[in-house]
Amino acid sequence: MKVGNIFIIIIMVVIYNHSYYSQSQWVKTSNSPGSSINCFEKSGSILFAGTQTGIYESTDNGNTWTLSGLVNIPVSTMANNGSYLFAGTNDGVYSSSNNGTSWPPIVNFHNNGLIYSNISALAVSGSNIYAGANGGTNLGGVYISTNNASSWTAISTGINDKNIQSLAIINSIVFAGTLNNGVWLTTNNAIWTFAGLTNNSINCLSTIGTNLFAGTTTNGVYFSTDYGSNWASASGSGLTMLTNKTINAIITSGTNIFVGTPGGGVFLSTDNGSNWTNVSNGLTEVNIRSFAILGPNMFLATSNGNIWKRPLSEMITSNSLSIKNAIPKQWLNISTGTRTLSLINTFQGNVGQLSYIAQSSNTTVATVSVTGSSLNIAPIGLGDCIITVTAIDAANSNSLNYSFDVNVGITDVESDLTPTRFALYQNFPNPFNPETVIEFSIVKNGFYTLKVYNTLGQEIEMLLQKELSVGYYKINFNAGKFSSGTYLYRLVGTNVNLSRKMILLK
């Protein structure tokens, strides 16, 4: 072989190796905002960044960034419900119905129910928008809107630290991370109870299925598998070496957890935090502020106002989708409205963040839609149907279908007999876990409610709220999101007020 040919081969090998290793790392995007970046949000193929000088957007997978429609307003947090984008600022919550092109001004946030306007966290569950305010003992707290941020209602009863820094939702249970006293939760959008991590400052919350992860100031990561009843440290091998164990940001992809630190860069765990791997290759700025995942790429923002991106496939090596956790049959009632389920922990084996599509076998019984990783099932009429969800892993050109059953009550029991008295029968089975059936009869046409209460007398579930005709009825109750204990169910209506006890035993 000639010397010239050998030289050419050597040059080609060097170029190939340089190209390979330069790709296996984080790369800084062009034209980063340069202003302190507080959050990300995505809508379709557009990625948004909330900064101290407004909202920037990228329409080319994060390669370049331009200032969007909200300008010169510090944006702390963003959310998306599929129809509207929301931006939490120190002037309240702005909303956009045209993918961020315009953001109508807020005339007076006090008039729409926000007592305090410094919004630090947003979360979405179905038609409910939650806003967390960081304003001290009296001015902060949590607010809810059911009309796309047009008006708000304070729902902070019970929280003794109203400096809200983060929000997360699991199966309609809302969790709030506070500045000074851990995590709180509500199951009824009214009364909050303490959910653990006393005296911890909770910077961020994230979920994988029903697992809840909390990033704290100085104490690393914790996780709970039982809705906050118990917590364990998730700051395993890899994070223990950090002098400063503050966690600024958490994001999940499938069963993988990424955390961003103020001085150590990015860490990945695939086993709920028992072990961590530093995946900061290529980063020259290691003070991480926030994360996002769009398609096959992961994005992060640093304290310098720069945005970096990296393919998830370089950090996550699994490549075959499978079912991790089955979705049990869903028992819905027309009166209770849309049920939202998280799909995050249903599938596993993905390289990138999954996208989902869903369809109903009978849209006269229930319709279905997807918002991010949330599956929204809206009961329409009585009967049964099958919901099919397709998970799509674009980073690996892979997809997988999964189907489960849905029943919509209440059911009018067919009978040749006309009831002669009001009756509320004992639920069956009893004790139960987690589903039971409640039957009742009414002897007068009218408006009726059937509600479930805990032992403190607090309403936890509305099973029925509608006009009924004379007849026998049965209704399904799924208590999967509640803890073991004794509960009361009460039928109230025209000339009737009946109640019975039932026992949930998990």
Protein backbone atom coordinates (compact mmCIF):
# COMPACT_ATOMS: atom_id res chain seq x y z
CA MET A 1 0.00 0.00 0.00
CA LYS A 2 1.30 3.47 -0.89
CA VAL A 3 2.22 5.91 1.87
CA GLY A 4 -0.30 8.42 0.51
CA ASN A 5 -3.14 5.92 0.82
CA ILE A 6 -2.13 5.04 4.39
CA PHE A 7 -2.16 8.76 5.26
CA ILE A 8 -5.64 9.17 3.76
CA ILE A 9 -6.99 6.19 5.74
CA ILE A 10 -5.55 7.58 8.99
CA ILE A 11 -7.15 10.96 8.31
CA MET A 12 -10.52 9.31 7.61
CA VAL A 13 -10.36 7.31 10.87
CA VAL A 14 -9.52 10.43 12.87
CA ILE A 15 -12.39 12.36 11.26
CA TYR A 16 -14.83 9.49 11.88
CA ASN A 17 -13.83 9.15 15.53
CA HIS A 18 -14.05 12.90 16.08
CA SER A 19 -17.49 12.99 14.46
CA TYR A 20 -18.74 10.06 16.55
CA TYR A 21 -17.57 11.40 19.89
CA SER A 22 -18.64 14.98 19.14
CA GLN A 23 -22.20 13.74 18.59
CA SER A 24 -22.31 11.75 21.85
CA GLN A 25 -22.62 14.84 23.99
CA TRP A 26 -24.67 17.94 24.69
CA VAL A 27 -24.59 20.64 22.00
CA LYS A 28 -25.44 24.30 22.61
CA THR A 29 -28.23 25.57 20.34
CA SER A 30 -27.91 28.68 18.22
CA ASN A 31 -29.36 32.03 19.21
CA SER A 32 -30.24 31.00 22.78
CA PRO A 33 -32.36 33.59 24.61
CA GLY A 34 -29.46 34.83 26.75
CA SER A 35 -31.92 35.73 29.50
CA SER A 36 -32.39 33.56 32.58
CA ILE A 37 -34.54 30.60 31.49
CA ASN A 38 -37.04 29.38 34.08
CA CYS A 39 -39.08 26.74 32.23
CA PHE A 40 -39.94 24.92 29.02
CA GLU A 41 -43.24 23.84 27.46
CA LYS A 42 -44.08 22.18 24.16
CA SER A 43 -47.05 22.34 21.83
CA GLY A 44 -46.95 19.98 18.89
CA SER A 45 -43.54 20.46 17.26
CA ILE A 46 -42.97 23.90 18.84
CA LEU A 47 -40.80 24.22 21.94
CA PHE A 48 -41.27 27.27 24.19
CA ALA A 49 -38.87 28.69 26.77
CA GLY A 50 -40.10 30.96 29.56
CA THR A 51 -37.47 33.55 30.49
CA GLN A 52 -37.07 36.75 32.53
CA THR A 53 -37.75 38.75 29.35
CA GLY A 54 -40.71 36.80 27.99
CA ILE A 55 -41.32 33.66 25.96
CA TYR A 56 -39.04 32.38 23.20
CA GLU A 57 -40.00 29.67 20.73
CA SER A 58 -38.25 27.26 18.42
CA THR A 59 -39.94 25.69 15.39
CA ASP A 60 -36.86 23.77 14.19
CA ASN A 61 -36.30 21.30 17.03
CA GLY A 62 -34.41 23.79 19.18
CA ASN A 63 -31.81 24.80 16.63
CA THR A 64 -32.78 28.48 16.66
CA TRP A 65 -34.90 30.64 18.99
CA THR A 66 -37.02 33.75 18.46
CA LEU A 67 -38.99 35.95 20.83
CA SER A 68 -42.67 34.93 20.90
CA GLY A 69 -45.83 36.94 21.60
CA LEU A 70 -45.30 37.55 25.33
CA VAL A 71 -42.55 40.15 25.67
CA ASN A 72 -40.84 41.91 28.61
CA ILE A 73 -42.72 39.86 31.22
CA PRO A 74 -40.83 37.41 33.46
CA VAL A 75 -42.27 33.90 32.93
CA SER A 76 -41.69 31.44 35.78
CA THR A 77 -43.71 28.43 34.61
CA MET A 78 -45.74 27.19 31.63
CA ALA A 79 -48.37 24.51 30.93
CA ASN A 80 -50.46 23.23 28.02
CA ASN A 81 -53.90 21.57 28.01
CA GLY A 82 -54.02 20.84 24.30
CA SER A 83 -56.15 23.87 23.43
CA TYR A 84 -54.45 26.65 25.38
CA LEU A 85 -50.94 27.54 26.46
CA PHE A 86 -50.57 29.03 29.93
CA ALA A 87 -47.78 31.21 31.30
CA GLY A 88 -47.32 31.89 35.00
CA THR A 89 -45.80 35.30 35.68
CA ASN A 90 -45.54 37.86 38.47
CA ASP A 91 -48.68 39.44 36.96
CA GLY A 92 -50.81 36.30 37.12
CA VAL A 93 -51.54 33.65 34.49
CA TYR A 94 -51.62 34.52 30.79
CA SER A 95 -53.29 32.24 28.25
CA SER A 96 -52.93 31.83 24.49
CA SER A 97 -55.41 30.04 22.23
CA ASN A 98 -53.28 30.34 19.08
CA ASN A 99 -50.10 28.49 20.04
CA GLY A 100 -48.36 31.47 21.56
CA THR A 101 -48.85 33.97 18.74
CA SER A 102 -50.80 36.32 21.02
CA TRP A 103 -51.41 36.53 24.77
CA PRO A 104 -54.38 38.73 25.75
CA PRO A 105 -53.46 41.12 28.58
CA ILE A 106 -54.64 40.54 32.15
CA VAL A 107 -56.65 43.61 33.09
CA ASN A 108 -56.69 42.99 36.85
CA PHE A 109 -55.73 39.63 38.31
CA HIS A 110 -57.62 40.43 41.54
CA ASN A 111 -60.87 40.57 39.60
CA ASN A 112 -60.49 37.02 38.32
CA GLY A 113 -59.86 35.44 41.71
CA LEU A 114 -56.07 35.41 42.01
CA ILE A 115 -55.39 36.97 45.39
CA TYR A 116 -51.66 36.94 44.72
CA SER A 117 -50.17 37.16 41.24
CA ASN A 118 -46.65 35.77 41.64
CA ILE A 119 -47.21 32.37 39.99
CA SER A 120 -44.41 29.83 40.45
CA ALA A 121 -46.03 26.56 39.29
CA LEU A 122 -48.74 25.35 36.89
CA ALA A 123 -50.29 21.91 36.34
CA VAL A 124 -53.11 20.58 34.15
CA SER A 125 -55.56 17.72 34.73
CA GLY A 126 -58.38 17.46 32.21
CA SER A 127 -60.29 20.77 32.30
CA ASN A 128 -58.70 21.81 35.60
CA ILE A 129 -55.79 24.26 35.60
CA TYR A 130 -53.86 24.58 38.87
CA ALA A 131 -51.65 27.54 39.76
CA GLY A 132 -49.24 27.69 42.68
CA ALA A 133 -48.32 31.11 44.06
CA ASN A 134 -45.21 31.88 46.08
CA GLY A 135 -46.33 34.70 48.33
CA GLY A 136 -45.86 33.86 51.99
CA THR A 137 -48.24 32.71 54.69
CA ASN A 138 -51.29 34.70 53.62
CA LEU A 139 -50.84 35.61 49.96
CA GLY A 140 -49.63 32.44 48.27
CA GLY A 141 -51.27 29.03 47.97
CA VAL A 142 -52.97 27.05 45.21
CA TYR A 143 -55.73 28.22 42.84
CA ILE A 144 -57.91 26.32 40.37
CA SER A 145 -59.49 27.41 37.09
CA THR A 146 -62.00 25.40 35.08
CA ASN A 147 -62.37 27.94 32.25
CA ASN A 148 -58.87 28.23 30.76
CA ALA A 149 -57.58 30.80 33.27
CA SER A 150 -60.46 33.27 32.83
CA SER A 151 -61.23 33.04 36.54
CA TRP A 152 -59.69 31.38 39.58
CA THR A 153 -60.74 30.00 42.96
CA ALA A 154 -58.40 29.70 45.96
CA ILE A 155 -58.15 26.10 47.24
CA SER A 156 -55.49 26.32 49.95
CA THR A 157 -57.38 25.24 53.07
CA GLY A 158 -55.10 23.20 55.31
CA ILE A 159 -51.70 24.14 53.83
CA ASN A 160 -49.59 25.82 56.50
CA ASP A 161 -46.88 26.92 54.05
CA LYS A 162 -48.40 28.83 51.16
CA ASN A 163 -45.07 29.37 49.39
CA ILE A 164 -45.82 26.95 46.53
CA GLN A 165 -42.82 26.03 44.39
CA SER A 166 -44.02 23.00 42.40
CA LEU A 167 -47.13 21.00 41.47
CA ALA A 168 -47.74 17.44 40.24
CA ILE A 169 -50.83 15.27 39.62
CA ILE A 170 -51.34 11.51 39.95
CA ASN A 171 -54.79 10.07 39.20
CA SER A 172 -56.54 13.39 40.01
CA ILE A 173 -54.65 13.75 43.30
CA VAL A 174 -52.87 17.12 43.32
CA PHE A 175 -49.51 17.46 45.08
CA ALA A 176 -47.91 20.78 46.04
CA GLY A 177 -44.25 21.23 46.96
CA THR A 178 -43.63 24.11 49.36
CA LEU A 179 -40.68 26.34 50.22
CA ASN A 180 -40.40 25.43 53.90
CA ASN A 181 -42.53 22.42 54.79
CA GLY A 182 -42.49 19.54 52.36
CA VAL A 183 -45.31 18.14 50.23
CA TRP A 184 -49.10 18.53 50.58
CA LEU A 185 -51.96 16.86 48.70
CA THR A 186 -55.66 17.23 47.98
CA THR A 187 -58.09 14.63 46.66
CA ASN A 188 -61.10 16.95 46.38
CA ASN A 189 -59.68 20.32 45.23
CA ALA A 190 -60.59 21.82 48.60
CA ILE A 191 -58.91 20.39 51.70
CA TRP A 192 -55.16 19.75 51.80
CA THR A 193 -53.34 17.28 54.03
CA PHE A 194 -49.64 16.95 54.78
CA ALA A 195 -47.92 14.34 52.59
CA GLY A 196 -44.47 14.25 54.13
CA LEU A 197 -40.88 15.55 53.91
CA THR A 198 -41.19 17.85 56.93
CA ASN A 199 -39.12 21.06 56.77
CA ASN A 200 -37.83 20.25 53.29
CA SER A 201 -37.83 22.85 50.55
CA ILE A 202 -39.34 21.19 47.46
CA ASN A 203 -37.96 22.72 44.28
CA CYS A 204 -39.57 20.32 41.80
CA LEU A 205 -41.93 17.34 41.54
CA SER A 206 -42.25 14.69 38.84
CA THR A 207 -44.00 11.35 38.39
CA ILE A 208 -43.56 7.93 36.83
CA GLY A 209 -46.96 6.27 36.96
CA THR A 210 -47.98 6.42 40.63
CA ASN A 211 -44.40 7.02 41.83
CA LEU A 212 -43.82 10.60 42.99
CA PHE A 213 -40.33 12.16 42.97
CA ALA A 214 -39.35 15.31 44.86
CA GLY A 215 -36.22 17.37 44.28
CA THR A 216 -35.18 19.33 47.34
CA THR A 217 -32.79 22.05 48.41
CA THR A 218 -29.62 20.46 49.90
CA ASN A 219 -31.19 17.01 50.57
CA GLY A 220 -31.26 15.48 47.09
CA VAL A 221 -34.13 13.38 45.69
CA TYR A 222 -36.90 11.50 47.51
CA PHE A 223 -39.58 9.22 46.10
CA SER A 224 -42.91 7.83 47.28
CA THR A 225 -44.84 4.86 45.91
CA ASP A 226 -47.98 5.39 48.02
CA TYR A 227 -49.15 8.94 47.31
CA GLY A 228 -46.85 10.51 49.90
CA SER A 229 -47.69 8.28 52.86
CA ASN A 230 -44.06 7.13 52.97
CA TRP A 231 -40.89 8.53 51.44
CA ALA A 232 -37.45 7.06 50.77
CA SER A 233 -34.22 8.68 49.66
CA ALA A 234 -33.55 8.39 45.94
CA SER A 235 -30.12 10.01 46.20
CA GLY A 236 -28.25 6.78 45.60
CA SER A 237 -24.81 6.03 44.24
CA GLY A 238 -23.67 8.80 41.91
CA LEU A 239 -25.47 11.65 43.67
CA THR A 240 -23.91 10.91 47.06
CA MET A 241 -20.58 12.33 45.88
CA LEU A 242 -22.07 15.78 45.34
CA THR A 243 -21.24 18.34 48.02
CA ASN A 244 -24.35 20.35 47.15
CA LYS A 245 -27.28 17.94 46.77
CA THR A 246 -29.75 20.62 45.67
CA ILE A 247 -31.97 19.49 42.78
CA ASN A 248 -33.20 22.27 40.50
CA ALA A 249 -35.14 20.20 37.95
CA ILE A 250 -36.55 16.70 37.39
CA ILE A 251 -37.91 15.17 34.19
CA THR A 252 -38.87 11.60 33.34
CA SER A 253 -38.89 9.64 30.10
CA GLY A 254 -40.52 6.25 30.37
CA THR A 255 -38.96 4.73 33.49
CA ASN A 256 -35.87 6.95 33.29
CA ILE A 257 -35.34 9.89 35.64
CA PHE A 258 -33.10 12.88 34.90
CA VAL A 259 -32.17 15.51 37.50
CA GLY A 260 -30.44 18.85 37.05
CA THR A 261 -28.17 20.24 39.75
CA PRO A 262 -26.75 23.72 40.39
CA GLY A 263 -23.13 22.64 39.98
CA GLY A 264 -22.86 18.98 39.04
CA GLY A 265 -24.70 18.92 35.71
CA VAL A 266 -27.18 16.21 34.65
CA PHE A 267 -27.66 12.77 36.23
CA LEU A 268 -29.72 9.78 35.02
CA SER A 269 -31.26 6.95 37.03
CA THR A 270 -33.03 3.91 35.59
CA ASP A 271 -33.87 2.29 38.96
CA ASN A 272 -35.91 4.88 40.90
CA GLY A 273 -32.83 6.65 42.21
CA SER A 274 -30.82 3.76 43.64
CA ASN A 275 -28.00 4.51 41.18
CA TRP A 276 -27.18 7.59 39.14
CA THR A 277 -24.93 8.20 36.14
CA ASN A 278 -23.53 11.59 35.20
CA VAL A 279 -24.61 12.28 31.60
CA SER A 280 -23.16 15.80 31.29
CA ASN A 281 -20.79 14.97 28.43
CA GLY A 282 -20.00 18.13 26.46
CA LEU A 283 -21.63 20.55 28.89
CA THR A 284 -19.45 23.52 29.75
CA GLU A 285 -22.18 25.01 31.95
CA VAL A 286 -23.32 22.76 34.80
CA ASN A 287 -25.84 24.95 36.65
CA ILE A 288 -29.03 23.37 35.28
CA ARG A 289 -32.32 25.29 35.58
CA SER A 290 -34.93 23.28 33.63
CA PHE A 291 -35.54 20.38 31.21
CA ALA A 292 -37.74 19.50 28.23
CA ILE A 293 -38.14 16.52 25.91
CA LEU A 294 -39.36 17.01 22.34
CA GLY A 295 -39.37 14.05 19.98
CA PRO A 296 -36.04 12.21 20.15
CA ASN A 297 -34.16 15.06 21.86
CA MET A 298 -33.76 16.29 25.39
CA PHE A 299 -33.22 19.99 26.13
CA LEU A 300 -31.87 21.82 29.16
CA ALA A 301 -31.44 25.43 30.19
CA THR A 302 -28.51 26.73 32.20
CA SER A 303 -28.17 29.71 34.52
CA ASN A 304 -26.30 31.54 31.74
CA GLY A 305 -29.41 31.68 29.58
CA ASN A 306 -28.20 29.05 27.11
CA ILE A 307 -30.14 26.06 25.80
CA TRP A 308 -28.43 22.74 25.12
CA LYS A 309 -29.80 19.61 23.44
CA ARG A 310 -28.85 15.95 23.15
CA PRO A 311 -30.48 12.84 21.63
CA LEU A 312 -32.10 10.69 24.29
CA SER A 313 -30.83 7.59 22.49
CA GLU A 314 -27.28 8.49 23.54
CA MET A 315 -28.26 8.22 27.19
CA ILE A 316 -31.02 5.59 27.10
CA THR A 317 -30.19 2.33 25.37
CA SER A 318 -33.42 0.26 25.54
CA ASN A 319 -35.21 -0.08 22.21
CA SER A 320 -38.25 -2.34 22.53
CA LEU A 321 -41.67 -1.18 23.71
CA SER A 322 -43.66 -3.40 26.05
CA ILE A 323 -46.49 -3.11 28.56
CA LYS A 324 -45.26 -2.38 32.07
CA ASN A 325 -48.51 -1.89 34.00
CA ALA A 326 -51.97 -2.89 32.79
CA ILE A 327 -54.83 -0.41 33.05
CA PRO A 328 -57.72 -2.05 34.91
CA LYS A 329 -61.30 -1.81 33.71
CA GLN A 330 -62.58 1.72 34.29
CA TRP A 331 -65.98 2.25 35.91
CA LEU A 332 -67.24 5.72 35.08
CA ASN A 333 -70.40 7.67 35.86
CA ILE A 334 -71.95 10.28 33.61
CA SER A 335 -72.39 12.73 36.48
CA THR A 336 -68.72 12.76 37.50
CA GLY A 337 -67.41 13.88 34.10
CA THR A 338 -64.05 13.23 32.48
CA ARG A 339 -61.57 10.83 34.08
CA THR A 340 -57.87 11.47 33.45
CA LEU A 341 -55.34 8.63 33.57
CA SER A 342 -51.56 8.91 33.37
CA LEU A 343 -49.99 6.79 30.62
CA ILE A 344 -46.40 7.33 31.77
CA ASN A 345 -46.08 4.04 33.61
CA THR A 346 -48.13 1.91 31.18
CA PHE A 347 -45.40 1.34 28.57
CA GLN A 348 -41.68 0.76 28.91
CA GLY A 349 -38.61 0.25 26.75
CA ASN A 350 -38.78 3.56 24.89
CA VAL A 351 -35.77 5.54 23.68
CA GLY A 352 -37.48 8.91 23.36
CA GLN A 353 -40.45 10.41 25.12
CA LEU A 354 -43.59 8.66 23.93
CA SER A 355 -46.47 10.30 22.13
CA TYR A 356 -49.93 8.76 22.22
CA ILE A 357 -53.10 8.47 20.19
CA ALA A 358 -56.31 6.87 21.45
CA GLN A 359 -59.71 5.81 20.14
CA SER A 360 -62.98 4.52 21.57
CA SER A 361 -64.86 1.54 20.13
CA ASN A 362 -68.18 3.25 20.89
CA THR A 363 -68.26 7.05 21.00
CA THR A 364 -71.90 7.01 22.15
CA VAL A 365 -70.63 5.53 25.43
CA ALA A 366 -67.33 7.40 25.87
CA THR A 367 -65.01 9.65 23.91
CA VAL A 368 -61.29 9.82 24.47
CA SER A 369 -58.50 12.36 23.95
CA VAL A 370 -54.82 12.67 24.83
CA THR A 371 -53.09 15.65 26.43
CA GLY A 372 -49.36 15.01 26.66
CA SER A 373 -49.13 11.75 28.62
CA SER A 374 -52.64 12.08 30.08
CA LEU A 375 -55.55 10.04 28.73
CA ASN A 376 -58.91 11.80 29.11
CA ILE A 377 -62.03 9.59 29.03
CA ALA A 378 -65.35 11.45 28.82
CA PRO A 379 -68.49 9.39 29.59
CA ILE A 380 -71.34 10.10 27.14
CA GLY A 381 -73.95 7.38 27.61
CA LEU A 382 -74.59 4.17 29.52
CA GLY A 383 -72.87 0.99 28.38
CA ASP A 384 -69.49 -0.58 27.66
CA CYS A 385 -66.70 0.22 25.23
CA ILE A 386 -63.05 -0.53 24.57
CA ILE A 387 -60.37 2.16 24.65
CA THR A 388 -57.27 1.52 22.53
CA VAL A 389 -54.10 3.52 23.17
CA THR A 390 -51.19 3.59 20.74
CA ALA A 391 -47.82 4.55 22.19
CA ILE A 392 -45.37 5.93 19.60
CA ASP A 393 -41.61 6.07 20.17
CA ALA A 394 -40.50 8.29 17.29
CA ALA A 395 -36.84 8.09 18.33
CA ASN A 396 -36.89 4.36 17.65
CA SER A 397 -39.59 4.22 14.92
CA ASN A 398 -41.58 1.94 17.20
CA SER A 399 -45.19 1.77 18.40
CA LEU A 400 -47.42 -0.49 20.49
CA ASN A 401 -51.21 -0.78 20.95
CA TYR A 402 -52.92 -1.48 24.26
CA SER A 403 -56.67 -1.86 24.96
CA PHE A 404 -58.77 -1.86 28.11
CA ASP A 405 -62.48 -1.90 28.99
CA VAL A 406 -64.67 0.97 30.14
CA ASN A 407 -68.13 0.80 31.71
CA VAL A 408 -70.26 3.90 32.07
CA GLY A 409 -73.01 3.94 34.77
CA ILE A 410 -75.41 4.61 36.27
CA THR A 411 -77.35 1.55 35.22
CA ASP A 412 -81.14 1.51 35.30
CA VAL A 413 -81.92 -1.99 36.55
CA GLU A 414 -84.55 -3.64 34.36
CA SER A 415 -87.43 -4.83 36.50
CA ASP A 416 -91.12 -5.53 36.10
CA LEU A 417 -91.63 -4.21 39.61
CA THR A 418 -92.14 -0.62 40.62
CA PRO A 419 -90.42 0.27 43.90
CA THR A 420 -92.75 1.07 46.79
CA ARG A 421 -90.18 2.77 49.04
CA PHE A 422 -86.92 4.65 48.94
CA ALA A 423 -84.01 2.31 49.64
CA LEU A 424 -80.23 2.48 49.71
CA TYR A 425 -78.81 -1.03 49.79
CA GLN A 426 -75.54 -2.27 51.23
CA ASN A 427 -72.77 -2.12 48.67
CA PHE A 428 -71.47 -5.40 47.29
CA PRO A 429 -68.87 -6.65 47.76
CA ASN A 430 -68.12 -5.25 51.19
CA PRO A 431 -65.32 -5.02 52.23
CA PHE A 432 -64.04 -4.28 48.72
CA ASN A 433 -60.85 -3.48 46.81
CA PRO A 434 -61.02 -1.31 44.85
CA GLU A 435 -64.42 -1.61 43.12
CA THR A 436 -67.91 -2.10 44.50
CA VAL A 437 -71.53 -1.68 43.37
CA ILE A 438 -74.15 0.44 45.15
CA GLU A 439 -77.85 -0.15 44.45
CA PHE A 440 -80.82 2.02 45.35
CA SER A 441 -84.47 2.59 44.52
CA ILE A 442 -86.52 5.77 44.28
CA VAL A 443 -90.31 6.21 44.29
CA LYS A 444 -90.59 9.78 43.05
CA ASN A 445 -89.22 11.54 39.99
CA GLY A 446 -86.71 14.24 40.93
CA PHE A 447 -83.15 15.42 41.34
CA TYR A 448 -80.81 13.13 43.32
CA THR A 449 -77.21 13.02 44.47
CA LEU A 450 -75.11 10.12 45.69
CA LYS A 451 -71.90 11.17 47.43
CA VAL A 452 -69.06 9.41 49.27
CA TYR A 453 -67.57 10.86 52.48
CA ASN A 454 -64.58 10.04 54.65
CA THR A 455 -64.76 9.61 58.44
CA LEU A 456 -64.18 13.35 58.89
CA GLY A 457 -67.37 14.09 56.99
CA GLN A 458 -65.50 15.47 53.98
CA GLU A 459 -66.94 14.75 50.55
CA ILE A 460 -64.41 12.78 48.49
CA GLU A 461 -66.43 11.62 45.48
CA MET A 462 -69.62 12.64 43.67
CA LEU A 463 -71.10 9.48 42.15
CA LEU A 464 -74.44 10.87 41.01
CA GLN A 465 -75.95 14.31 40.41
CA LYS A 466 -78.91 14.24 38.02
CA GLU A 467 -82.64 13.90 37.42
CA LEU A 468 -83.95 10.35 37.84
CA SER A 469 -87.27 8.66 37.24
CA VAL A 470 -88.94 6.13 39.51
CA GLY A 471 -87.03 2.84 39.42
CA TYR A 472 -84.20 0.65 40.64
CA TYR A 473 -80.60 1.75 39.97
CA LYS A 474 -77.05 0.57 40.54
CA ILE A 475 -73.83 2.53 40.30
CA ASN A 476 -70.17 1.49 40.27
CA PHE A 477 -67.63 3.03 42.64
CA ASN A 478 -63.87 2.68 42.09
CA ALA A 479 -61.83 3.64 45.18
CA GLY A 480 -58.43 2.97 43.68
CA LYS A 481 -57.07 6.40 44.59
CA PHE A 482 -58.20 6.24 48.23
CA SER A 483 -56.58 4.57 51.24
CA SER A 484 -58.04 1.71 53.29
CA GLY A 485 -60.71 2.66 55.78
CA THR A 486 -64.38 3.17 56.48
CA TYR A 487 -66.39 5.44 54.18
CA LEU A 488 -69.97 6.71 54.14
CA TYR A 489 -72.18 6.90 51.05
CA ARG A 490 -75.33 9.03 51.11
CA LEU A 491 -78.34 9.31 48.77
CA VAL A 492 -80.08 12.69 48.94
CA GLY A 493 -83.05 13.92 46.91
CA THR A 494 -86.78 14.47 46.87
CA ASN A 495 -88.02 13.37 50.32
CA VAL A 496 -85.02 11.11 50.91
CA ASN A 497 -81.75 11.25 52.86
CA LEU A 498 -80.26 7.79 53.36
CA SER A 499 -76.71 6.68 54.20
CA ARG A 500 -74.67 3.53 54.77
CA LYS A 501 -71.10 2.61 55.64
CA MET A 502 -68.67 0.63 53.48
CA ILE A 503 -65.15 -0.64 54.08
CA LEU A 504 -62.26 -0.31 51.63
CA LEU A 505 -59.64 -2.97 52.46
CA LYS A 506 -56.47 -2.89 50.37
